[in-house]
C-alpha atoms as a PDB file:
ATOM      1  CA  UNK A   1      19.504  15.424  25.849  1.00  0.00           C
ATOM      2  CA  UNK A   2      18.872  13.724  22.526  1.00  0.00           C
ATOM      3  CA  UNK A   3      16.958  10.478  22.788  1.00  0.00           C
ATOM      4  CA  UNK A   4      16.636   9.634  19.107  1.00  0.00           C
ATOM      5  CA  UNK A   5      19.207  10.052  16.309  1.00  0.00           C
ATOM      6  CA  UNK A   6      19.114  12.947  13.852  1.00  0.00           C
ATOM      7  CA  UNK A   7      16.268  12.826  11.356  1.00  0.00           C
ATOM      8  CA  UNK A   8      16.246  14.264   7.844  1.00  0.00           C
ATOM      9  CA  UNK A   9      13.065  13.206   6.054  1.00  0.00           C
ATOM     10  CA  UNK A  10       9.598  14.722   5.806  1.00  0.00           C
ATOM     11  CA  UNK A  11       7.928  11.977   7.857  1.00  0.00           C
ATOM     12  CA  UNK A  12      10.727  11.247  10.327  1.00  0.00           C
ATOM     13  CA  UNK A  13       9.210  13.566  12.954  1.00  0.00           C
ATOM     14  CA  UNK A  14       5.884  11.691  12.713  1.00  0.00           C
ATOM     15  CA  UNK A  15       7.606   8.355  13.343  1.00  0.00           C
ATOM     16  CA  UNK A  16       9.661   9.788  16.215  1.00  0.00           C
ATOM     17  CA  UNK A  17       6.527  11.253  17.773  1.00  0.00           C
ATOM     18  CA  UNK A  18       4.838   7.877  17.550  1.00  0.00           C
ATOM     19  CA  UNK A  19       7.784   6.167  19.249  1.00  0.00           C
ATOM     20  CA  UNK A  20       7.794   8.725  22.061  1.00  0.00           C
ATOM     21  CA  UNK A  21       4.019   8.561  22.646  1.00  0.00           C
ATOM     22  CA  UNK A  22       3.979   4.756  22.814  1.00  0.00           C
ATOM     23  CA  UNK A  23       6.997   4.808  25.146  1.00  0.00           C
ATOM     24  CA  UNK A  24       5.197   7.250  27.469  1.00  0.00           C
ATOM     25  CA  UNK A  25       2.122   4.980  27.585  1.00  0.00           C
ATOM     26  CA  UNK A  26       4.214   1.876  28.278  1.00  0.00           C
ATOM     27  CA  UNK A  27       6.282   3.537  31.025  1.00  0.00           C
ATOM     28  CA  UNK A  28       3.187   5.076  32.647  1.00  0.00           C
ATOM     29  CA  UNK A  29       1.336   1.751  32.778  1.00  0.00           C
ATOM     30  CA  UNK A  30       4.459  -0.022  34.042  1.00  0.00           C
ATOM     31  CA  UNK A  31       4.757   2.462  36.931  1.00  0.00           C
ATOM     32  CA  UNK A  32       1.042   2.226  37.780  1.00  0.00           C
ATOM     33  CA  UNK A  33       0.900  -1.583  37.645  1.00  0.00           C
ATOM     34  CA  UNK A  34       4.135  -1.988  39.621  1.00  0.00           C
ATOM     35  CA  UNK A  35       2.920   0.478  42.269  1.00  0.00           C
ATOM     36  CA  UNK A  36      -0.390  -1.410  42.564  1.00  0.00           C
ATOM     37  CA  UNK A  37       1.474  -4.712  42.895  1.00  0.00           C
ATOM     38  CA  UNK A  38       3.716  -3.504  45.712  1.00  0.00           C
ATOM     39  CA  UNK A  39       0.793  -1.738  47.403  1.00  0.00           C
ATOM     40  CA  UNK A  40      -1.074  -5.041  47.470  1.00  0.00           C
ATOM     41  CA  UNK A  41       1.974  -6.874  48.784  1.00  0.00           C
ATOM     42  CA  UNK A  42       2.751  -4.514  51.663  1.00  0.00           C
ATOM     43  CA  UNK A  43      -0.854  -3.913  52.712  1.00  0.00           C
ATOM     44  CA  UNK A  44      -1.665  -7.610  52.766  1.00  0.00           C
ATOM     45  CA  UNK A  45       1.227  -8.908  54.838  1.00  0.00           C
ATOM     46  CA  UNK A  46       0.379 -11.686  57.226  1.00  0.00           C
ATOM     47  CA  UNK A  47      -0.470 -10.439  60.730  1.00  0.00           C
ATOM     48  CA  UNK A  48      -0.456 -12.520  63.873  1.00  0.00           C
ATOM     49  CA  UNK A  49      -3.890 -14.020  64.377  1.00  0.00           C
ATOM     50  CA  UNK A  50      -5.111 -12.667  61.047  1.00  0.00           C
ATOM     51  CA  UNK A  51      -7.339 -14.757  58.813  1.00  0.00           C
ATOM     52  CA  UNK A  52      -7.316 -14.964  55.041  1.00  0.00           C
ATOM     53  CA  UNK A  53     -10.291 -13.404  53.278  1.00  0.00           C
ATOM     54  CA  UNK A  54     -12.359 -15.234  50.740  1.00  0.00           C
ATOM     55  CA  UNK A  55     -13.149 -12.894  47.855  1.00  0.00           C
ATOM     56  CA  UNK A  56     -15.754 -14.314  45.459  1.00  0.00           C
ATOM     57  CA  UNK A  57     -15.070 -11.639  42.833  1.00  0.00           C
ATOM     58  CA  UNK A  58     -18.751 -10.729  42.572  1.00  0.00           C
ATOM     59  CA  UNK A  59     -20.031  -7.180  42.792  1.00  0.00           C
ATOM     60  CA  UNK A  60     -18.636  -3.816  41.848  1.00  0.00           C
ATOM     61  CA  UNK A  61     -16.225  -3.555  44.792  1.00  0.00           C
ATOM     62  CA  UNK A  62     -14.226  -6.481  43.412  1.00  0.00           C
ATOM     63  CA  UNK A  63     -14.812  -6.309  39.668  1.00  0.00           C
ATOM     64  CA  UNK A  64     -13.918  -2.607  39.443  1.00  0.00           C
ATOM     65  CA  UNK A  65     -10.256  -3.554  39.913  1.00  0.00           C
ATOM     66  CA  UNK A  66     -10.516  -5.549  36.698  1.00  0.00           C
ATOM     67  CA  UNK A  67     -12.991  -3.548  34.622  1.00  0.00           C
ATOM     68  CA  UNK A  68     -11.589  -0.045  35.151  1.00  0.00           C
ATOM     69  CA  UNK A  69      -7.980  -0.963  34.192  1.00  0.00           C
ATOM     70  CA  UNK A  70      -9.343  -3.007  31.264  1.00  0.00           C
ATOM     71  CA  UNK A  71     -11.333  -0.050  29.938  1.00  0.00           C
ATOM     72  CA  UNK A  72      -8.363   2.296  30.334  1.00  0.00           C
ATOM     73  CA  UNK A  73      -5.952  -0.096  28.593  1.00  0.00           C
ATOM     74  CA  UNK A  74      -8.369  -0.675  25.696  1.00  0.00           C
ATOM     75  CA  UNK A  75      -8.896   3.094  25.349  1.00  0.00           C
ATOM     76  CA  UNK A  76      -5.128   3.657  25.252  1.00  0.00           C
ATOM     77  CA  UNK A  77      -4.741   0.852  22.716  1.00  0.00           C
ATOM     78  CA  UNK A  78      -7.436   2.348  20.482  1.00  0.00           C
ATOM     79  CA  UNK A  79      -5.734   5.741  20.666  1.00  0.00           C
ATOM     80  CA  UNK A  80      -2.403   4.172  19.695  1.00  0.00           C
ATOM     81  CA  UNK A  81      -4.107   2.354  16.792  1.00  0.00           C
ATOM     82  CA  UNK A  82      -5.537   5.653  15.534  1.00  0.00           C
ATOM     83  CA  UNK A  83      -2.266   7.605  15.624  1.00  0.00           C
ATOM     84  CA  UNK A  84      -0.334   4.633  14.218  1.00  0.00           C
ATOM     85  CA  UNK A  85      -2.732   4.286  11.283  1.00  0.00           C
ATOM     86  CA  UNK A  86      -2.409   8.005  10.538  1.00  0.00           C
ATOM     87  CA  UNK A  87       1.402   7.823  10.432  1.00  0.00           C
ATOM     88  CA  UNK A  88       1.420   4.491   8.563  1.00  0.00           C
ATOM     89  CA  UNK A  89      -0.885   5.882   5.874  1.00  0.00           C
ATOM     90  CA  UNK A  90       1.369   8.902   5.381  1.00  0.00           C
ATOM     91  CA  UNK A  91       4.505   6.773   5.130  1.00  0.00           C
ATOM     92  CA  UNK A  92       2.990   3.990   3.038  1.00  0.00           C
ATOM     93  CA  UNK A  93       1.197   5.918   0.306  1.00  0.00           C
ATOM     94  CA  UNK A  94       2.121   8.839  -1.926  1.00  0.00           C
ATOM     95  CA  UNK A  95      -0.514  11.422  -2.748  1.00  0.00           C
ATOM     96  CA  UNK A  96      -1.364  11.989  -6.412  1.00  0.00           C
ATOM     97  CA  UNK A  97       0.566  15.260  -6.318  1.00  0.00           C
ATOM     98  CA  UNK A  98       3.638  13.579  -4.802  1.00  0.00           C
ATOM     99  CA  UNK A  99       3.449  10.802  -7.386  1.00  0.00           C
ATOM    100  CA  UNK A 100       3.294  13.280 -10.276  1.00  0.00           C
ATOM    101  CA  UNK A 101       6.335  15.237  -9.050  1.00  0.00           C
ATOM    102  CA  UNK A 102       8.407  12.303  -7.740  1.00  0.00           C
ATOM    103  CA  UNK A 103      11.859  11.239  -8.887  1.00  0.00           C
ATOM    104  CA  UNK A 104      11.902   7.467  -9.582  1.00  0.00           C
ATOM    105  CA  UNK A 105      14.927   5.346  -8.682  1.00  0.00           C
ATOM    106  CA  UNK A 106      15.313   1.586  -8.969  1.00  0.00           C
ATOM    107  CA  UNK A 107      17.074  -0.022  -5.987  1.00  0.00           C
ATOM    108  CA  UNK A 108      18.252  -3.624  -6.227  1.00  0.00           C
ATOM    109  CA  UNK A 109      19.645  -5.707  -3.386  1.00  0.00           C
ATOM    110  CA  UNK A 110      21.805  -8.784  -3.806  1.00  0.00           C
ATOM    111  CA  UNK A 111      24.482 -10.554  -1.819  1.00  0.00           C
ATOM    112  CA  UNK A 112      26.189  -8.383  -0.662  1.00  0.00           C
ATOM    113  CA  UNK A 113      25.681  -5.009  -2.314  1.00  0.00           C
ATOM    114  CA  UNK A 114      23.156  -2.415  -3.395  1.00  0.00           C
ATOM    115  CA  UNK A 115      22.832  -1.165  -6.965  1.00  0.00           C
ATOM    116  CA  UNK A 116      20.859   1.791  -8.316  1.00  0.00           C
ATOM    117  CA  UNK A 117      19.273   2.713 -11.625  1.00  0.00           C
ATOM    118  CA  UNK A 118      18.107   6.244 -12.361  1.00  0.00           C
ATOM    119  CA  UNK A 119      15.460   7.607 -14.710  1.00  0.00           C
ATOM    120  CA  UNK A 120      16.855   9.896 -17.369  1.00  0.00           C
ATOM    121  CA  UNK A 121      15.490  13.170 -18.701  1.00  0.00           C
ATOM    122  CA  UNK A 122      11.993  11.750 -19.262  1.00  0.00           C
ATOM    123  CA  UNK A 123      11.632  11.050 -15.533  1.00  0.00           C
ATOM    124  CA  UNK A 124      10.457   7.472 -16.117  1.00  0.00           C
ATOM    125  CA  UNK A 125      12.041   4.115 -15.370  1.00  0.00           C
ATOM    126  CA  UNK A 126      12.085   1.406 -18.018  1.00  0.00           C
ATOM    127  CA  UNK A 127      12.928   3.693 -20.928  1.00  0.00           C
ATOM    128  CA  UNK A 128      16.015   4.016 -23.100  1.00  0.00           C
ATOM    129  CA  UNK A 129      17.541   6.938 -21.203  1.00  0.00           C
ATOM    130  CA  UNK A 130      17.767   5.107 -17.884  1.00  0.00           C
ATOM    131  CA  UNK A 131      21.305   4.685 -16.554  1.00  0.00           C
ATOM    132  CA  UNK A 132      22.980   2.626 -13.843  1.00  0.00           C
ATOM    133  CA  UNK A 133      24.784   4.179 -10.917  1.00  0.00           C
ATOM    134  CA  UNK A 134      28.522   3.537 -10.708  1.00  0.00           C
ATOM    135  CA  UNK A 135      29.636   0.630  -8.552  1.00  0.00           C
ATOM    136  CA  UNK A 136      30.888   1.754  -5.148  1.00  0.00           C
ATOM    137  CA  UNK A 137      29.179   5.139  -5.356  1.00  0.00           C
ATOM    138  CA  UNK A 138      26.333   6.388  -3.117  1.00  0.00           C
ATOM    139  CA  UNK A 139      22.655   6.609  -3.965  1.00  0.00           C
ATOM    140  CA  UNK A 140      22.034  10.173  -5.172  1.00  0.00           C
ATOM    141  CA  UNK A 141      18.758  11.840  -4.136  1.00  0.00           C
ATOM    142  CA  UNK A 142      17.527  15.447  -4.459  1.00  0.00           C
ATOM    143  CA  UNK A 143      16.645  17.464  -1.349  1.00  0.00           C
ATOM    144  CA  UNK A 144      13.044  18.570  -0.653  1.00  0.00           C
ATOM    145  CA  UNK A 145      11.695  16.425  -3.456  1.00  0.00           C
ATOM    146  CA  UNK A 146       9.874  13.106  -3.255  1.00  0.00           C
ATOM    147  CA  UNK A 147      12.018  10.174  -4.382  1.00  0.00           C
ATOM    148  CA  UNK A 148      10.083   7.095  -5.469  1.00  0.00           C
ATOM    149  CA  UNK A 149      12.159   4.037  -4.571  1.00  0.00           C
ATOM    150  CA  UNK A 150      11.369   0.878  -6.539  1.00  0.00           C
ATOM    151  CA  UNK A 151      12.870  -1.846  -4.355  1.00  0.00           C
ATOM    152  CA  UNK A 152      13.601  -5.403  -5.457  1.00  0.00           C
ATOM    153  CA  UNK A 153      16.010  -8.279  -4.778  1.00  0.00           C
ATOM    154  CA  UNK A 154      17.631 -10.754  -7.143  1.00  0.00           C
ATOM    155  CA  UNK A 155      18.449 -13.509  -4.671  1.00  0.00           C
ATOM    156  CA  UNK A 156      17.003 -13.409  -1.157  1.00  0.00           C
ATOM    157  CA  UNK A 157      15.371 -11.252   1.496  1.00  0.00           C
ATOM    158  CA  UNK A 158      17.191  -8.003   2.260  1.00  0.00           C
ATOM    159  CA  UNK A 159      16.186  -4.854   4.115  1.00  0.00           C
ATOM    160  CA  UNK A 160      16.827  -1.275   2.981  1.00  0.00           C
ATOM    161  CA  UNK A 161      17.478   0.855   6.073  1.00  0.00           C
ATOM    162  CA  UNK A 162      18.545   4.502   6.328  1.00  0.00           C
ATOM    163  CA  UNK A 163      18.379   5.582   9.963  1.00  0.00           C
ATOM    164  CA  UNK A 164      18.258   9.341   9.389  1.00  0.00           C
ATOM    165  CA  UNK A 165      15.268   8.960   7.060  1.00  0.00           C
ATOM    166  CA  UNK A 166      13.463   6.564   9.437  1.00  0.00           C
ATOM    167  CA  UNK A 167      13.143   4.424   6.327  1.00  0.00           C
ATOM    168  CA  UNK A 168      13.205   0.645   6.720  1.00  0.00           C
ATOM    169  CA  UNK A 169      11.722  -1.695   4.148  1.00  0.00           C
ATOM    170  CA  UNK A 170      12.087  -5.397   3.340  1.00  0.00           C
ATOM    171  CA  UNK A 171      13.323  -6.076  -0.182  1.00  0.00           C
ATOM    172  CA  UNK A 172      11.837  -9.309  -1.504  1.00  0.00           C
ATOM    173  CA  UNK A 173      12.784 -11.469  -4.529  1.00  0.00           C
ATOM    174  CA  UNK A 174      10.130 -11.546  -7.233  1.00  0.00           C
ATOM    175  CA  UNK A 175       8.459  -8.318  -6.097  1.00  0.00           C
ATOM    176  CA  UNK A 176       8.907  -4.618  -6.748  1.00  0.00           C
ATOM    177  CA  UNK A 177       7.953  -2.665  -3.641  1.00  0.00           C
ATOM    178  CA  UNK A 178       7.370   1.034  -4.225  1.00  0.00           C
ATOM    179  CA  UNK A 179       8.067   3.368  -1.312  1.00  0.00           C
ATOM    180  CA  UNK A 180       8.875   7.052  -1.066  1.00  0.00           C
ATOM    181  CA  UNK A 181      11.104   9.346   0.916  1.00  0.00           C
ATOM    182  CA  UNK A 182      11.640  13.105   0.876  1.00  0.00           C
ATOM    183  CA  UNK A 183      15.032  14.113   2.224  1.00  0.00           C
ATOM    184  CA  UNK A 184      14.955  17.478   3.976  1.00  0.00           C
ATOM    185  CA  UNK A 185      18.644  18.303   4.336  1.00  0.00           C
ATOM    186  CA  UNK A 186      21.618  18.245   1.999  1.00  0.00           C
ATOM    187  CA  UNK A 187      24.099  15.746   3.381  1.00  0.00           C
ATOM    188  CA  UNK A 188      27.453  17.149   4.394  1.00  0.00           C
ATOM    189  CA  UNK A 189      28.395  13.619   5.367  1.00  0.00           C
ATOM    190  CA  UNK A 190      26.640  10.858   3.449  1.00  0.00           C
ATOM    191  CA  UNK A 191      23.923   8.910   5.253  1.00  0.00           C
ATOM    192  CA  UNK A 192      24.657   5.240   5.883  1.00  0.00           C
ATOM    193  CA  UNK A 193      22.577   2.647   4.043  1.00  0.00           C
ATOM    194  CA  UNK A 194      22.653  -0.862   5.490  1.00  0.00           C
ATOM    195  CA  UNK A 195      20.933  -4.182   5.001  1.00  0.00           C
ATOM    196  CA  UNK A 196      18.958  -4.783   8.195  1.00  0.00           C
ATOM    197  CA  UNK A 197      18.081  -8.406   7.414  1.00  0.00           C
ATOM    198  CA  UNK A 198      20.586 -11.236   7.858  1.00  0.00           C
ATOM    199  CA  UNK A 199      21.330 -12.380   4.314  1.00  0.00           C
ATOM    200  CA  UNK A 200      24.415 -14.569   4.515  1.00  0.00           C
ATOM    201  CA  UNK A 201      27.987 -14.788   5.738  1.00  0.00           C
ATOM    202  CA  UNK A 202      28.939 -11.262   4.585  1.00  0.00           C
ATOM    203  CA  UNK A 203      25.697  -9.620   5.665  1.00  0.00           C
ATOM    204  CA  UNK A 204      27.609  -7.076   7.760  1.00  0.00           C
ATOM    205  CA  UNK A 205      29.470  -5.804   4.692  1.00  0.00           C
ATOM    206  CA  UNK A 206      26.285  -5.079   2.714  1.00  0.00           C
ATOM    207  CA  UNK A 207      26.484  -1.354   3.166  1.00  0.00           C
ATOM    208  CA  UNK A 208      26.078   1.697   1.015  1.00  0.00           C
ATOM    209  CA  UNK A 209      25.593   5.414   1.362  1.00  0.00           C
ATOM    210  CA  UNK A 210      23.006   8.022   0.406  1.00  0.00           C
ATOM    211  CA  UNK A 211      24.088  11.452  -0.779  1.00  0.00           C
ATOM    212  CA  UNK A 212      21.430  14.174  -0.764  1.00  0.00           C
ATOM    213  CA  UNK A 213      22.117  17.064  -3.149  1.00  0.00           C
ATOM    214  CA  UNK A 214      20.405  20.252  -4.253  1.00  0.00           C
ATOM    215  CA  UNK A 215      17.904  20.101  -7.144  1.00  0.00           C
ATOM    216  CA  UNK A 216      20.449  21.907  -9.332  1.00  0.00           C
ATOM    217  CA  UNK A 217      23.156  19.369  -8.531  1.00  0.00           C
ATOM    218  CA  UNK A 218      20.719  16.520  -9.146  1.00  0.00           C
ATOM    219  CA  UNK A 219      19.872  17.932 -12.578  1.00  0.00           C
ATOM    220  CA  UNK A 220      23.607  18.146 -13.274  1.00  0.00           C
ATOM    221  CA  UNK A 221      23.977  14.538 -12.157  1.00  0.00           C
ATOM    222  CA  UNK A 222      21.243  13.358 -14.536  1.00  0.00           C
ATOM    223  CA  UNK A 223      22.765  15.334 -17.404  1.00  0.00           C
ATOM    224  CA  UNK A 224      26.318  14.032 -16.923  1.00  0.00           C
ATOM    225  CA  UNK A 225      26.590  11.273 -14.314  1.00  0.00           C
ATOM    226  CA  UNK A 226      30.184  10.333 -15.217  1.00  0.00           C
ATOM    227  CA  UNK A 227      31.451  13.846 -14.527  1.00  0.00           C
ATOM    228  CA  UNK A 228      29.390  14.106 -11.345  1.00  0.00           C
ATOM    229  CA  UNK A 229      30.769  10.823 -10.006  1.00  0.00           C
ATOM    230  CA  UNK A 230      34.358  12.044 -10.471  1.00  0.00           C
ATOM    231  CA  UNK A 231      33.892  14.387  -7.538  1.00  0.00           C
ATOM    232  CA  UNK A 232      32.505  11.686  -5.215  1.00  0.00           C
ATOM    233  CA  UNK A 233      34.752   9.351  -3.255  1.00  0.00           C
ATOM    234  CA  UNK A 234      34.162   5.611  -3.408  1.00  0.00           C
ATOM    235  CA  UNK A 235      32.427   3.980  -0.463  1.00  0.00           C
ATOM    236  CA  UNK A 236      34.951   2.243   1.742  1.00  0.00           C
ATOM    237  CA  UNK A 237      33.879  -1.287   2.702  1.00  0.00           C
ATOM    238  CA  UNK A 238      34.009  -2.199   6.407  1.00  0.00           C
ATOM    239  CA  UNK A 239      37.133  -3.978   7.610  1.00  0.00           C
ATOM    240  CA  UNK A 240      36.791  -7.168   9.621  1.00  0.00           C
ATOM    241  CA  UNK A 241      39.247  -9.439  11.357  1.00  0.00           C
ATOM    242  CA  UNK A 242      38.331 -13.120  11.198  1.00  0.00           C
ATOM    243  CA  UNK A 243      38.561 -15.383  14.221  1.00  0.00           C
ATOM    244  CA  UNK A 244      39.972 -18.047  11.919  1.00  0.00           C
ATOM    245  CA  UNK A 245      43.576 -17.497  10.744  1.00  0.00           C
ATOM    246  CA  UNK A 246      43.059 -19.264   7.410  1.00  0.00           C
ATOM    247  CA  UNK A 247      40.305 -16.776   6.520  1.00  0.00           C
ATOM    248  CA  UNK A 248      42.431 -13.656   7.027  1.00  0.00           C
ATOM    249  CA  UNK A 249      42.377 -11.493   3.942  1.00  0.00           C
ATOM    250  CA  UNK A 250      39.775 -13.653   2.195  1.00  0.00           C
END
């Protein structure tokens, strides 16, 4: 039985493993603490003629019930901090080798759409051979190659989220946030890109798609984007029915 959705990026398995490990710790401690609670309840029921005990909480016999669980919880927390830091460092930072071989793409969020700008043959953004992606077309990324995403917003806070990549990043006005992703599978069906931060009345329609292609197809795309786009269907916007009759079709 699948617990988590499909994953198609180089660090998705690390994030999934982290989720599963933390879930195991939480469930285990919930079971232990709940069992201890009910054990205390049913072994301390009032008996006829019984007297309540005064427990001063001094000495090992009493304090061990506090200190031992405390030590175990802190140890578990430290372990979680260690594995989380390891995964966070991998996701957050590119190595020098990844940086040198990465494919840069500029991603811009605004109400209520995503737009993309690609580096041309020189492999650098901010030069004369950069070109904009066509409106209504997916973000094009090469498979098994690091894509450097330069994320920014022109109006307000958005969030770039692709579930299959386990990629989720706030996009903030006035800042360029550089993150990376390496897709590991060519997309038969495009991956959904959504804004995961409420950004206005049409927030739910701020959607896009990501199409992962082979390195050869990506080179073809960079060489002749207009011809490449001809073979790609436009992204269909979501359809909504308003609760207010006067807003139908608006």
